[in-house]
Amino acid sequence: MNPLNNNFNNMMTNQNKNSFLNSPQFLQLKQIYKAARMTQNPNMIIQQLANSNPQIAQTIQMLQGKNLEQVFYEGCKMNGIDPQTILKELSN
């Protein structure tokens, strides 16, 4: 299995997919997304996260050179999640 997909699956472990949007992981992702959008340097936020969390650093390393949009949509499809729901929630 692709390690990137494995990270996505681990995020979903022991959670009802319908409650994903209320999960601590998604709420944290939403906070990170908002912080990155508000800053002049979103890469700095990502780097700080990578420095403080080895799992994020590993995921960022695996994402290098990949089409992030494609990875996102594939992960959603694999887990039966509507990507538009996630995108809508991130924008709120």
N, C-alpha and C. Protein backbone atom coordinates (compact mmCIF):
# COMPACT_ATOMS: atom_id res chain seq x y z
N MET A 1 0.85 -1.19 0.00
CA MET A 1 0.00 0.00 0.00
C MET A 1 0.88 1.24 0.00
N ASN A 2 0.47 2.25 -0.70
CA ASN A 2 1.16 3.53 -0.76
C ASN A 2 1.21 4.12 0.65
N PRO A 3 2.40 4.52 1.16
CA PRO A 3 2.48 5.07 2.51
C PRO A 3 1.64 6.32 2.70
N LEU A 4 1.47 7.11 1.65
CA LEU A 4 0.66 8.32 1.76
C LEU A 4 -0.80 7.94 1.99
N ASN A 5 -1.28 6.96 1.25
CA ASN A 5 -2.64 6.48 1.45
C ASN A 5 -2.78 5.85 2.83
N ASN A 6 -1.73 5.20 3.30
CA ASN A 6 -1.75 4.60 4.62
C ASN A 6 -1.93 5.67 5.68
N ASN A 7 -1.24 6.82 5.55
CA ASN A 7 -1.42 7.92 6.49
C ASN A 7 -2.85 8.41 6.48
N PHE A 8 -3.45 8.52 5.30
CA PHE A 8 -4.83 8.96 5.18
C PHE A 8 -5.75 7.94 5.87
N ASN A 9 -5.49 6.65 5.63
CA ASN A 9 -6.30 5.61 6.27
C ASN A 9 -6.15 5.64 7.78
N ASN A 10 -4.94 5.86 8.28
CA ASN A 10 -4.73 5.93 9.72
C ASN A 10 -5.52 7.06 10.33
N MET A 11 -5.66 8.16 9.61
CA MET A 11 -6.41 9.30 10.11
C MET A 11 -7.88 8.91 10.27
N MET A 12 -8.35 7.98 9.44
CA MET A 12 -9.75 7.58 9.47
C MET A 12 -10.02 6.41 10.42
N THR A 13 -8.99 5.76 10.94
CA THR A 13 -9.16 4.57 11.76
C THR A 13 -10.03 4.87 12.97
N ASN A 14 -10.93 3.93 13.26
CA ASN A 14 -11.82 4.01 14.42
C ASN A 14 -12.75 5.22 14.39
N GLN A 15 -13.01 5.76 13.24
CA GLN A 15 -13.94 6.88 13.13
C GLN A 15 -14.99 6.55 12.10
N ASN A 16 -16.20 6.91 12.40
CA ASN A 16 -17.27 6.79 11.43
C ASN A 16 -17.00 7.84 10.36
N LYS A 17 -17.00 7.43 9.11
CA LYS A 17 -16.70 8.38 8.04
C LYS A 17 -17.67 9.55 8.02
N ASN A 18 -18.89 9.32 8.50
CA ASN A 18 -19.86 10.42 8.55
C ASN A 18 -19.50 11.45 9.60
N SER A 19 -18.73 11.06 10.60
CA SER A 19 -18.34 12.01 11.64
C SER A 19 -16.94 12.56 11.42
N PHE A 20 -16.34 12.27 10.27
CA PHE A 20 -14.99 12.73 9.98
C PHE A 20 -14.85 14.24 10.13
N LEU A 21 -15.86 14.98 9.68
CA LEU A 21 -15.76 16.44 9.72
C LEU A 21 -15.76 16.97 11.15
N ASN A 22 -16.15 16.16 12.12
CA ASN A 22 -16.12 16.58 13.52
C ASN A 22 -14.95 15.96 14.28
N SER A 23 -14.11 15.24 13.57
CA SER A 23 -12.98 14.57 14.23
C SER A 23 -11.91 15.58 14.64
N PRO A 24 -11.14 15.26 15.67
CA PRO A 24 -10.05 16.15 16.09
C PRO A 24 -9.04 16.39 14.96
N GLN A 25 -8.79 15.34 14.14
CA GLN A 25 -7.83 15.50 13.04
C GLN A 25 -8.32 16.52 12.02
N PHE A 26 -9.61 16.45 11.69
CA PHE A 26 -10.12 17.39 10.70
C PHE A 26 -10.17 18.80 11.27
N LEU A 27 -10.55 18.93 12.52
CA LEU A 27 -10.59 20.25 13.14
C LEU A 27 -9.19 20.87 13.19
N GLN A 28 -8.17 20.03 13.44
CA GLN A 28 -6.80 20.52 13.42
C GLN A 28 -6.40 20.93 12.00
N LEU A 29 -6.77 20.12 11.02
CA LEU A 29 -6.48 20.44 9.63
C LEU A 29 -7.13 21.77 9.25
N LYS A 30 -8.34 21.97 9.70
CA LYS A 30 -9.06 23.21 9.39
C LYS A 30 -8.34 24.42 9.99
N GLN A 31 -7.84 24.28 11.21
CA GLN A 31 -7.09 25.37 11.84
C GLN A 31 -5.80 25.66 11.06
N ILE A 32 -5.11 24.62 10.65
CA ILE A 32 -3.88 24.79 9.88
C ILE A 32 -4.19 25.48 8.55
N TYR A 33 -5.24 25.05 7.89
CA TYR A 33 -5.64 25.64 6.61
C TYR A 33 -5.92 27.13 6.76
N LYS A 34 -6.67 27.49 7.79
CA LYS A 34 -6.99 28.90 8.01
C LYS A 34 -5.74 29.71 8.32
N ALA A 35 -4.85 29.16 9.14
CA ALA A 35 -3.61 29.87 9.48
C ALA A 35 -2.76 30.08 8.23
N ALA A 36 -2.68 29.06 7.40
CA ALA A 36 -1.88 29.16 6.17
C ALA A 36 -2.46 30.19 5.21
N ARG A 37 -3.78 30.28 5.15
CA ARG A 37 -4.42 31.26 4.26
C ARG A 37 -4.23 32.68 4.76
N MET A 38 -4.11 32.87 6.08
CA MET A 38 -4.02 34.21 6.65
C MET A 38 -2.60 34.76 6.65
N THR A 39 -1.62 33.91 6.52
CA THR A 39 -0.23 34.35 6.62
C THR A 39 0.31 34.77 5.25
N GLN A 40 1.32 35.57 5.28
CA GLN A 40 2.01 35.97 4.05
C GLN A 40 2.87 34.84 3.51
N ASN A 41 3.22 33.90 4.39
CA ASN A 41 4.13 32.83 4.02
C ASN A 41 3.58 31.48 4.48
N PRO A 42 2.64 30.89 3.73
CA PRO A 42 2.07 29.60 4.15
C PRO A 42 3.10 28.48 4.26
N ASN A 43 4.16 28.55 3.48
CA ASN A 43 5.20 27.52 3.57
C ASN A 43 5.88 27.52 4.93
N MET A 44 5.96 28.70 5.55
CA MET A 44 6.55 28.81 6.88
C MET A 44 5.70 28.02 7.89
N ILE A 45 4.38 28.13 7.79
CA ILE A 45 3.49 27.40 8.69
C ILE A 45 3.70 25.90 8.52
N ILE A 46 3.76 25.45 7.28
CA ILE A 46 3.96 24.02 7.00
C ILE A 46 5.30 23.56 7.56
N GLN A 47 6.33 24.36 7.38
CA GLN A 47 7.66 23.99 7.88
C GLN A 47 7.67 23.91 9.41
N GLN A 48 7.00 24.85 10.06
CA GLN A 48 6.92 24.82 11.52
C GLN A 48 6.21 23.55 12.00
N LEU A 49 5.14 23.19 11.30
CA LEU A 49 4.41 21.96 11.65
C LEU A 49 5.31 20.74 11.46
N ALA A 50 6.04 20.72 10.36
CA ALA A 50 6.94 19.59 10.09
C ALA A 50 8.02 19.49 11.16
N ASN A 51 8.52 20.63 11.61
CA ASN A 51 9.56 20.63 12.64
C ASN A 51 9.03 20.14 13.98
N SER A 52 7.73 20.34 14.23
CA SER A 52 7.17 19.97 15.53
C SER A 52 6.50 18.60 15.54
N ASN A 53 6.27 18.01 14.36
CA ASN A 53 5.55 16.74 14.30
C ASN A 53 6.20 15.84 13.25
N PRO A 54 6.85 14.76 13.68
CA PRO A 54 7.53 13.87 12.73
C PRO A 54 6.59 13.25 11.69
N GLN A 55 5.33 12.99 12.06
CA GLN A 55 4.38 12.42 11.10
C GLN A 55 4.08 13.41 9.98
N ILE A 56 3.96 14.68 10.33
CA ILE A 56 3.72 15.69 9.30
C ILE A 56 4.96 15.81 8.42
N ALA A 57 6.14 15.78 9.03
CA ALA A 57 7.38 15.86 8.25
C ALA A 57 7.47 14.70 7.26
N GLN A 58 7.11 13.50 7.72
CA GLN A 58 7.15 12.32 6.85
C GLN A 58 6.14 12.47 5.70
N THR A 59 4.97 12.95 6.02
CA THR A 59 3.94 13.13 4.98
C THR A 59 4.37 14.18 3.97
N ILE A 60 4.94 15.28 4.42
CA ILE A 60 5.41 16.32 3.51
C ILE A 60 6.49 15.77 2.60
N GLN A 61 7.38 14.98 3.17
CA GLN A 61 8.45 14.39 2.36
C GLN A 61 7.87 13.47 1.29
N MET A 62 6.86 12.68 1.65
CA MET A 62 6.23 11.77 0.68
C MET A 62 5.47 12.53 -0.40
N LEU A 63 5.01 13.73 -0.08
CA LEU A 63 4.23 14.52 -1.05
C LEU A 63 5.09 15.26 -2.06
N GLN A 64 6.36 15.40 -1.78
CA GLN A 64 7.22 16.15 -2.69
C GLN A 64 7.19 15.54 -4.08
N GLY A 65 6.92 16.40 -5.06
CA GLY A 65 6.90 15.97 -6.45
C GLY A 65 5.58 15.36 -6.88
N LYS A 66 4.61 15.27 -5.98
CA LYS A 66 3.32 14.69 -6.32
C LYS A 66 2.29 15.78 -6.58
N ASN A 67 1.29 15.43 -7.34
CA ASN A 67 0.17 16.33 -7.59
C ASN A 67 -0.74 16.26 -6.37
N LEU A 68 -0.72 17.30 -5.54
CA LEU A 68 -1.46 17.28 -4.27
C LEU A 68 -2.96 17.15 -4.48
N GLU A 69 -3.46 17.78 -5.51
CA GLU A 69 -4.89 17.68 -5.79
C GLU A 69 -5.28 16.23 -6.10
N GLN A 70 -4.48 15.57 -6.90
CA GLN A 70 -4.75 14.18 -7.26
C GLN A 70 -4.67 13.28 -6.02
N VAL A 71 -3.68 13.49 -5.17
CA VAL A 71 -3.53 12.71 -3.94
C VAL A 71 -4.77 12.89 -3.06
N PHE A 72 -5.23 14.13 -2.94
CA PHE A 72 -6.41 14.42 -2.13
C PHE A 72 -7.64 13.69 -2.65
N TYR A 73 -7.91 13.81 -3.94
CA TYR A 73 -9.09 13.19 -4.52
C TYR A 73 -9.01 11.66 -4.46
N GLU A 74 -7.83 11.10 -4.67
CA GLU A 74 -7.67 9.64 -4.58
C GLU A 74 -7.92 9.16 -3.15
N GLY A 75 -7.40 9.90 -2.17
CA GLY A 75 -7.61 9.53 -0.77
C GLY A 75 -9.07 9.59 -0.38
N CYS A 76 -9.76 10.61 -0.85
CA CYS A 76 -11.19 10.73 -0.57
C CYS A 76 -11.95 9.57 -1.19
N LYS A 77 -11.66 9.28 -2.45
CA LYS A 77 -12.36 8.20 -3.14
C LYS A 77 -12.12 6.86 -2.45
N MET A 78 -10.88 6.62 -2.06
CA MET A 78 -10.52 5.36 -1.42
C MET A 78 -11.26 5.17 -0.10
N ASN A 79 -11.58 6.28 0.58
CA ASN A 79 -12.23 6.21 1.88
C ASN A 79 -13.72 6.54 1.84
N GLY A 80 -14.27 6.69 0.64
CA GLY A 80 -15.70 6.94 0.51
C GLY A 80 -16.13 8.29 1.05
N ILE A 81 -15.27 9.28 0.91
CA ILE A 81 -15.56 10.62 1.41
C ILE A 81 -15.78 11.55 0.23
N ASP A 82 -16.82 12.38 0.32
CA ASP A 82 -17.09 13.36 -0.73
C ASP A 82 -16.07 14.50 -0.60
N PRO A 83 -15.17 14.65 -1.57
CA PRO A 83 -14.15 15.70 -1.45
C PRO A 83 -14.74 17.11 -1.40
N GLN A 84 -15.87 17.31 -2.05
CA GLN A 84 -16.48 18.64 -2.03
C GLN A 84 -16.95 19.02 -0.63
N THR A 85 -17.37 18.05 0.13
CA THR A 85 -17.78 18.32 1.53
C THR A 85 -16.59 18.81 2.33
N ILE A 86 -15.45 18.17 2.16
CA ILE A 86 -14.25 18.58 2.88
C ILE A 86 -13.82 19.98 2.44
N LEU A 87 -13.80 20.22 1.15
CA LEU A 87 -13.40 21.54 0.64
C LEU A 87 -14.33 22.63 1.13
N LYS A 88 -15.60 22.34 1.17
CA LYS A 88 -16.60 23.31 1.66
C LYS A 88 -16.34 23.62 3.12
N GLU A 89 -16.10 22.57 3.92
CA GLU A 89 -15.86 22.77 5.35
C GLU A 89 -14.56 23.55 5.61
N LEU A 90 -13.54 23.30 4.80
CA LEU A 90 -12.28 24.03 4.97
C LEU A 90 -12.47 25.51 4.68
N SER A 91 -13.37 25.83 3.80
CA SER A 91 -13.59 27.23 3.41
C SER A 91 -14.42 28.00 4.43
N ASN A 92 -15.11 27.28 5.32
CA ASN A 92 -15.95 27.96 6.34
C ASN A 92 -15.11 28.53 7.45
